[in-house]
Amino acid sequence: MTREEIADTVLRTLARIAPEARGQTLAPTVSLRDQLDLDSMDALNFVIALHEQLGVDIPEIDYAKLATLDGTVAYLAERLAERR
């Protein structure tokens, strides 16, 4: 899976969790929670949805790595590469 495909998956997943994300241009290095006004339950649902979509286990200790769009894509790309 390419980084672009991962980013598309992340954005689609975000749109399911926070419908206001649809069509919104997200700053890649700014906190997703701040940009989309996500609460802790939204953030948890985001992590669960990513796990379901990509089959990547995301331990709680790594949640902070998913704070930004760039961070989320980089983390998932690394985790997916480990599976090869």
Protein backbone atom coordinates (compact mmCIF):
# COMPACT_ATOMS: atom_id res chain seq x y z
CA MET A 1 0.00 0.00 0.00
CA THR A 2 1.41 3.39 -1.00
CA ARG A 3 1.52 6.41 1.29
CA GLU A 4 -1.13 8.03 -0.90
CA GLU A 5 -3.43 5.03 -0.46
CA ILE A 6 -2.82 5.12 3.28
CA ALA A 7 -3.60 8.86 3.37
CA ASP A 8 -6.81 8.26 1.42
CA THR A 9 -7.82 5.54 3.88
CA VAL A 10 -7.06 7.82 6.83
CA LEU A 11 -9.13 10.66 5.33
CA ARG A 12 -12.07 8.37 4.55
CA THR A 13 -11.90 6.98 8.08
CA LEU A 14 -11.81 10.48 9.55
CA ALA A 15 -14.85 11.44 7.49
CA ARG A 16 -16.77 8.54 9.02
CA ILE A 17 -15.81 9.60 12.55
CA ALA A 18 -16.09 13.36 12.00
CA PRO A 19 -18.38 14.15 9.05
CA GLU A 20 -17.17 17.76 9.09
CA ALA A 21 -13.84 16.43 7.77
CA ARG A 22 -15.39 15.70 4.38
CA GLY A 23 -13.99 18.05 1.81
CA GLN A 24 -11.99 19.92 4.41
CA THR A 25 -8.34 20.54 3.71
CA LEU A 26 -6.38 19.35 6.71
CA ALA A 27 -3.01 20.79 7.61
CA PRO A 28 -0.68 17.77 7.60
CA THR A 29 1.31 18.78 10.67
CA VAL A 30 -1.45 20.23 12.88
CA SER A 31 -3.28 18.14 15.46
CA LEU A 32 -6.29 16.35 13.99
CA ARG A 33 -8.11 16.73 17.29
CA ASP A 34 -7.68 20.50 17.14
CA GLN A 35 -8.62 20.81 13.47
CA LEU A 36 -11.72 18.64 13.74
CA ASP A 37 -12.63 19.27 17.37
CA LEU A 38 -12.41 15.54 18.13
CA ASP A 39 -13.08 14.42 21.67
CA SER A 40 -11.42 11.41 23.28
CA MET A 41 -14.18 9.02 22.16
CA ASP A 42 -13.84 10.24 18.56
CA ALA A 43 -10.08 9.70 18.76
CA LEU A 44 -10.57 6.18 20.10
CA ASN A 45 -13.13 5.40 17.40
CA PHE A 46 -10.62 6.67 14.82
CA VAL A 47 -7.96 4.25 16.09
CA ILE A 48 -10.42 1.35 16.12
CA ALA A 49 -11.62 2.16 12.60
CA LEU A 50 -8.03 2.30 11.31
CA HIS A 51 -7.41 -1.10 12.86
CA GLU A 52 -10.51 -2.49 11.17
CA GLN A 53 -9.69 -0.91 7.79
CA LEU A 54 -6.00 -1.83 7.67
CA GLY A 55 -5.63 -4.72 10.10
CA VAL A 56 -2.91 -2.87 11.99
CA ASP A 57 -2.74 -3.27 15.74
CA ILE A 58 -2.20 0.13 17.36
CA PRO A 59 -1.18 -0.13 21.01
CA GLU A 60 -2.32 2.65 23.32
CA ILE A 61 1.27 3.76 23.85
CA ASP A 62 1.40 4.71 20.14
CA TYR A 63 -1.79 6.79 20.03
CA ALA A 64 0.21 10.03 20.24
CA LYS A 65 1.89 9.10 16.95
CA LEU A 66 -1.52 9.47 15.29
CA ALA A 67 -1.92 13.11 16.35
CA THR A 68 -1.43 14.61 12.87
CA LEU A 69 -2.23 13.51 9.35
CA ASP A 70 1.47 13.17 8.49
CA GLY A 71 2.18 11.32 11.72
CA THR A 72 -0.71 8.92 11.17
CA VAL A 73 0.32 8.13 7.59
CA ALA A 74 3.98 7.64 8.57
CA TYR A 75 3.06 5.39 11.50
CA LEU A 76 0.71 3.24 9.43
CA ALA A 77 3.18 3.01 6.52
CA GLU A 78 5.84 1.76 8.94
CA ARG A 79 3.50 -0.76 10.55
CA LEU A 80 2.28 -2.05 7.19
CA ALA A 81 5.87 -2.36 5.93
CA GLU A 82 6.73 -4.50 8.97
CA ARG A 83 4.14 -7.04 7.83
CA ARG A 84 5.94 -7.70 4.55
